[in-house]
Amino acid sequence: MHDQDSSARRAPGPCEPPDPQLAHERDQASLLTALIEEYPGLMTYEEARIARVSDPGDWHETDRFEGAVRALLWAGLLRRQGDLLVPVRPARRMAAIGFSYG
């Protein structure tokens, strides 16, 4: 069975490729943290993409951003209202009491 607990993973050494799952989780944490810090101000999908993707022509970086958005939506930590990305109340509350996403 595949290990679902990311806390059991170790960081890759200097010669090892990065773990794609850890990178995906870091992308999600970074995006959610940025959206929570911005709240009650809201960011559109495009504003968040511009802030997170340094080169719009870099499809790998754009795909990572889109994957992070989809994963947060699927997990119920983020919702879309039109084009706005809104962190849900439980995610904002957890951040307010000191829970760290990254």
N, C-alpha and C. Protein backbone atom coordinates (compact mmCIF):
# COMPACT_ATOMS: atom_id res chain seq x y z
N MET A 1 0.84 -1.18 0.00
CA MET A 1 0.00 0.00 0.00
C MET A 1 0.89 1.24 0.00
N HIS A 2 0.46 2.28 -0.66
CA HIS A 2 1.22 3.52 -0.77
C HIS A 2 1.14 4.32 0.53
N ASP A 3 2.27 4.81 0.99
CA ASP A 3 2.33 5.61 2.21
C ASP A 3 1.65 6.96 1.98
N GLN A 4 0.63 7.25 2.74
CA GLN A 4 -0.12 8.51 2.59
C GLN A 4 0.36 9.57 3.56
N ASP A 5 1.20 9.21 4.52
CA ASP A 5 1.65 10.15 5.53
C ASP A 5 2.92 10.84 5.07
N SER A 6 2.83 12.13 4.74
CA SER A 6 3.98 12.86 4.23
C SER A 6 5.01 13.13 5.32
N SER A 7 4.65 13.02 6.59
CA SER A 7 5.60 13.29 7.66
C SER A 7 6.68 12.22 7.73
N ALA A 8 6.42 11.04 7.16
CA ALA A 8 7.40 9.96 7.19
C ALA A 8 8.45 10.11 6.09
N ARG A 9 8.25 11.01 5.15
CA ARG A 9 9.20 11.19 4.06
C ARG A 9 10.37 12.05 4.51
N ARG A 10 11.52 11.76 3.96
CA ARG A 10 12.68 12.58 4.27
C ARG A 10 13.00 13.47 3.07
N ALA A 11 13.70 14.53 3.33
CA ALA A 11 14.10 15.44 2.26
C ALA A 11 15.14 14.75 1.39
N PRO A 12 15.09 14.98 0.07
CA PRO A 12 16.06 14.34 -0.81
C PRO A 12 17.46 14.91 -0.57
N GLY A 13 18.45 14.05 -0.77
CA GLY A 13 19.84 14.48 -0.66
C GLY A 13 20.22 15.33 -1.87
N PRO A 14 21.45 15.83 -1.92
CA PRO A 14 21.86 16.72 -3.01
C PRO A 14 21.87 16.04 -4.37
N CYS A 15 22.00 14.71 -4.42
CA CYS A 15 22.06 14.00 -5.70
C CYS A 15 20.74 13.32 -6.05
N GLU A 16 19.77 13.43 -5.17
CA GLU A 16 18.48 12.79 -5.40
C GLU A 16 17.50 13.78 -6.03
N PRO A 17 16.63 13.29 -6.93
CA PRO A 17 15.60 14.18 -7.47
C PRO A 17 14.59 14.53 -6.38
N PRO A 18 13.98 15.71 -6.44
CA PRO A 18 12.99 16.08 -5.42
C PRO A 18 11.76 15.18 -5.52
N ASP A 19 11.16 14.93 -4.39
CA ASP A 19 9.94 14.12 -4.33
C ASP A 19 8.80 14.96 -4.90
N PRO A 20 8.16 14.49 -5.99
CA PRO A 20 7.09 15.29 -6.60
C PRO A 20 5.91 15.54 -5.67
N GLN A 21 5.61 14.58 -4.78
CA GLN A 21 4.50 14.76 -3.85
C GLN A 21 4.81 15.87 -2.86
N LEU A 22 6.04 15.89 -2.34
CA LEU A 22 6.43 16.95 -1.41
C LEU A 22 6.39 18.32 -2.10
N ALA A 23 6.85 18.37 -3.34
CA ALA A 23 6.80 19.63 -4.09
C ALA A 23 5.35 20.08 -4.29
N HIS A 24 4.47 19.14 -4.59
CA HIS A 24 3.05 19.46 -4.78
C HIS A 24 2.43 19.99 -3.48
N GLU A 25 2.77 19.36 -2.36
CA GLU A 25 2.26 19.81 -1.07
C GLU A 25 2.81 21.20 -0.71
N ARG A 26 4.07 21.46 -1.03
CA ARG A 26 4.64 22.79 -0.78
C ARG A 26 3.96 23.85 -1.63
N ASP A 27 3.65 23.51 -2.89
CA ASP A 27 2.94 24.45 -3.76
C ASP A 27 1.58 24.79 -3.18
N GLN A 28 0.86 23.78 -2.69
CA GLN A 28 -0.45 24.01 -2.10
C GLN A 28 -0.35 24.88 -0.85
N ALA A 29 0.59 24.54 0.02
CA ALA A 29 0.76 25.29 1.27
C ALA A 29 1.12 26.74 0.98
N SER A 30 2.00 26.94 0.03
CA SER A 30 2.43 28.29 -0.32
C SER A 30 1.27 29.12 -0.87
N LEU A 31 0.50 28.53 -1.76
CA LEU A 31 -0.65 29.24 -2.35
C LEU A 31 -1.70 29.54 -1.28
N LEU A 32 -2.04 28.57 -0.46
CA LEU A 32 -3.06 28.79 0.56
C LEU A 32 -2.60 29.84 1.57
N THR A 33 -1.34 29.79 1.96
CA THR A 33 -0.81 30.79 2.89
C THR A 33 -0.91 32.18 2.29
N ALA A 34 -0.56 32.33 1.01
CA ALA A 34 -0.64 33.64 0.35
C ALA A 34 -2.08 34.15 0.31
N LEU A 35 -3.02 33.27 0.02
CA LEU A 35 -4.43 33.68 -0.05
C LEU A 35 -4.97 34.05 1.33
N ILE A 36 -4.55 33.32 2.36
CA ILE A 36 -5.00 33.63 3.72
C ILE A 36 -4.40 34.94 4.18
N GLU A 37 -3.12 35.19 3.88
CA GLU A 37 -2.49 36.45 4.26
C GLU A 37 -3.17 37.63 3.57
N GLU A 38 -3.66 37.44 2.37
CA GLU A 38 -4.33 38.50 1.61
C GLU A 38 -5.73 38.78 2.15
N TYR A 39 -6.38 37.74 2.76
CA TYR A 39 -7.75 37.85 3.24
C TYR A 39 -7.86 38.91 4.33
N PRO A 40 -8.88 39.76 4.36
CA PRO A 40 -10.13 39.68 3.63
C PRO A 40 -10.06 40.21 2.20
N GLY A 41 -8.91 40.70 1.79
CA GLY A 41 -8.77 41.00 0.37
C GLY A 41 -8.78 39.69 -0.41
N LEU A 42 -9.33 39.72 -1.58
CA LEU A 42 -9.44 38.50 -2.37
C LEU A 42 -8.63 38.64 -3.65
N MET A 43 -8.11 37.54 -4.11
CA MET A 43 -7.36 37.51 -5.36
C MET A 43 -8.16 36.74 -6.39
N THR A 44 -8.09 37.21 -7.63
CA THR A 44 -8.68 36.43 -8.70
C THR A 44 -7.71 35.30 -9.05
N TYR A 45 -8.20 34.35 -9.80
CA TYR A 45 -7.35 33.25 -10.26
C TYR A 45 -6.16 33.81 -11.02
N GLU A 46 -6.41 34.76 -11.90
CA GLU A 46 -5.35 35.34 -12.73
C GLU A 46 -4.34 36.12 -11.88
N GLU A 47 -4.81 36.88 -10.89
CA GLU A 47 -3.90 37.60 -10.00
C GLU A 47 -3.01 36.62 -9.23
N ALA A 48 -3.60 35.55 -8.74
CA ALA A 48 -2.83 34.55 -8.00
C ALA A 48 -1.82 33.86 -8.92
N ARG A 49 -2.24 33.58 -10.15
CA ARG A 49 -1.32 32.93 -11.10
C ARG A 49 -0.15 33.85 -11.42
N ILE A 50 -0.42 35.12 -11.65
CA ILE A 50 0.65 36.08 -11.96
C ILE A 50 1.61 36.20 -10.77
N ALA A 51 1.06 36.19 -9.55
CA ALA A 51 1.90 36.29 -8.36
C ALA A 51 2.75 35.03 -8.13
N ARG A 52 2.25 33.87 -8.53
CA ARG A 52 2.94 32.61 -8.24
C ARG A 52 3.80 32.10 -9.40
N VAL A 53 3.49 32.50 -10.62
CA VAL A 53 4.20 32.00 -11.79
C VAL A 53 5.06 33.12 -12.35
N SER A 54 6.37 32.97 -12.23
CA SER A 54 7.28 34.05 -12.65
C SER A 54 7.37 34.19 -14.17
N ASP A 55 7.26 33.08 -14.90
CA ASP A 55 7.35 33.12 -16.36
C ASP A 55 6.11 32.46 -16.94
N PRO A 56 5.16 33.25 -17.50
CA PRO A 56 3.93 32.66 -18.02
C PRO A 56 4.16 31.67 -19.16
N GLY A 57 5.31 31.76 -19.80
CA GLY A 57 5.63 30.82 -20.86
C GLY A 57 6.16 29.49 -20.35
N ASP A 58 6.43 29.40 -19.06
CA ASP A 58 6.93 28.17 -18.45
C ASP A 58 5.73 27.30 -18.10
N TRP A 59 5.43 26.33 -18.97
CA TRP A 59 4.24 25.51 -18.78
C TRP A 59 4.36 24.63 -17.54
N HIS A 60 5.56 24.23 -17.19
CA HIS A 60 5.74 23.40 -15.99
C HIS A 60 5.30 24.17 -14.74
N GLU A 61 5.73 25.42 -14.64
CA GLU A 61 5.38 26.24 -13.48
C GLU A 61 3.88 26.54 -13.46
N THR A 62 3.31 26.80 -14.63
CA THR A 62 1.87 27.05 -14.73
C THR A 62 1.08 25.81 -14.34
N ASP A 63 1.52 24.65 -14.78
CA ASP A 63 0.85 23.39 -14.42
C ASP A 63 0.91 23.14 -12.92
N ARG A 64 2.05 23.47 -12.30
CA ARG A 64 2.17 23.30 -10.85
C ARG A 64 1.18 24.19 -10.13
N PHE A 65 1.03 25.45 -10.59
CA PHE A 65 0.06 26.36 -9.98
C PHE A 65 -1.36 25.81 -10.14
N GLU A 66 -1.72 25.41 -11.35
CA GLU A 66 -3.06 24.91 -11.60
C GLU A 66 -3.34 23.65 -10.78
N GLY A 67 -2.32 22.79 -10.64
CA GLY A 67 -2.48 21.58 -9.83
C GLY A 67 -2.72 21.91 -8.36
N ALA A 68 -2.01 22.93 -7.87
CA ALA A 68 -2.20 23.34 -6.48
C ALA A 68 -3.60 23.89 -6.26
N VAL A 69 -4.10 24.69 -7.19
CA VAL A 69 -5.46 25.23 -7.09
C VAL A 69 -6.47 24.09 -7.08
N ARG A 70 -6.34 23.18 -8.04
CA ARG A 70 -7.29 22.05 -8.12
C ARG A 70 -7.26 21.21 -6.84
N ALA A 71 -6.07 20.94 -6.31
CA ALA A 71 -5.96 20.12 -5.10
C ALA A 71 -6.60 20.81 -3.90
N LEU A 72 -6.41 22.12 -3.77
CA LEU A 72 -7.01 22.86 -2.66
C LEU A 72 -8.53 22.92 -2.80
N LEU A 73 -9.02 23.07 -4.02
CA LEU A 73 -10.47 23.05 -4.25
C LEU A 73 -11.02 21.68 -3.89
N TRP A 74 -10.36 20.63 -4.34
CA TRP A 74 -10.82 19.27 -4.08
C TRP A 74 -10.80 18.96 -2.59
N ALA A 75 -9.79 19.45 -1.87
CA ALA A 75 -9.68 19.20 -0.43
C ALA A 75 -10.66 20.02 0.39
N GLY A 76 -11.30 21.01 -0.23
CA GLY A 76 -12.26 21.83 0.48
C GLY A 76 -11.62 22.97 1.26
N LEU A 77 -10.36 23.28 0.99
CA LEU A 77 -9.68 24.38 1.68
C LEU A 77 -9.81 25.69 0.93
N LEU A 78 -10.29 25.62 -0.28
CA LEU A 78 -10.42 26.79 -1.15
C LEU A 78 -11.70 26.64 -1.95
N ARG A 79 -12.32 27.77 -2.25
CA ARG A 79 -13.48 27.72 -3.15
C ARG A 79 -13.37 28.86 -4.14
N ARG A 80 -14.06 28.70 -5.25
CA ARG A 80 -14.08 29.75 -6.27
C ARG A 80 -15.44 30.40 -6.26
N GLN A 81 -15.41 31.72 -6.26
CA GLN A 81 -16.64 32.50 -6.42
C GLN A 81 -16.42 33.31 -7.69
N GLY A 82 -16.97 32.82 -8.78
CA GLY A 82 -16.66 33.43 -10.06
C GLY A 82 -15.19 33.21 -10.34
N ASP A 83 -14.43 34.28 -10.49
CA ASP A 83 -13.00 34.16 -10.73
C ASP A 83 -12.18 34.35 -9.46
N LEU A 84 -12.85 34.62 -8.33
CA LEU A 84 -12.13 34.83 -7.07
C LEU A 84 -11.76 33.51 -6.42
N LEU A 85 -10.58 33.45 -5.81
CA LEU A 85 -10.15 32.30 -5.01
C LEU A 85 -10.32 32.69 -3.55
N VAL A 86 -11.15 31.95 -2.82
CA VAL A 86 -11.49 32.30 -1.45
C VAL A 86 -11.10 31.15 -0.52
N PRO A 87 -10.17 31.39 0.42
CA PRO A 87 -9.87 30.35 1.41
C PRO A 87 -11.09 30.18 2.32
N VAL A 88 -11.46 28.94 2.61
CA VAL A 88 -12.66 28.69 3.40
C VAL A 88 -12.42 29.06 4.86
N ARG A 89 -13.51 29.27 5.57
CA ARG A 89 -13.43 29.72 6.96
C ARG A 89 -12.60 28.79 7.85
N PRO A 90 -12.76 27.46 7.79
CA PRO A 90 -11.93 26.61 8.65
C PRO A 90 -10.42 26.79 8.38
N ALA A 91 -10.04 26.96 7.12
CA ALA A 91 -8.62 27.17 6.80
C ALA A 91 -8.14 28.50 7.37
N ARG A 92 -8.96 29.54 7.26
CA ARG A 92 -8.59 30.85 7.81
C ARG A 92 -8.50 30.79 9.33
N ARG A 93 -9.43 30.08 9.96
CA ARG A 93 -9.43 29.96 11.42
C ARG A 93 -8.21 29.20 11.91
N MET A 94 -7.86 28.12 11.23
CA MET A 94 -6.68 27.36 11.62
C MET A 94 -5.43 28.23 11.54
N ALA A 95 -5.34 29.05 10.51
CA ALA A 95 -4.19 29.96 10.38
C ALA A 95 -4.21 30.99 11.50
N ALA A 96 -5.39 31.46 11.87
CA ALA A 96 -5.51 32.49 12.92
C ALA A 96 -5.07 31.95 14.29
N ILE A 97 -5.26 30.66 14.53
CA ILE A 97 -4.86 30.11 15.83
C ILE A 97 -3.45 29.55 15.81
N GLY A 98 -2.76 29.74 14.70
CA GLY A 98 -1.35 29.41 14.66
C GLY A 98 -0.96 28.17 13.91
N PHE A 99 -1.90 27.52 13.25
CA PHE A 99 -1.57 26.34 12.46
C PHE A 99 -0.82 26.77 11.22
N SER A 100 0.27 26.11 10.92
CA SER A 100 1.09 26.47 9.76
C SER A 100 0.82 25.49 8.62
N TYR A 101 0.62 26.03 7.42
CA TYR A 101 0.39 25.19 6.26
C TYR A 101 1.69 24.82 5.56
N GLY A 102 2.78 25.45 5.90
CA GLY A 102 4.01 25.16 5.17
C GLY A 102 5.09 24.78 6.00
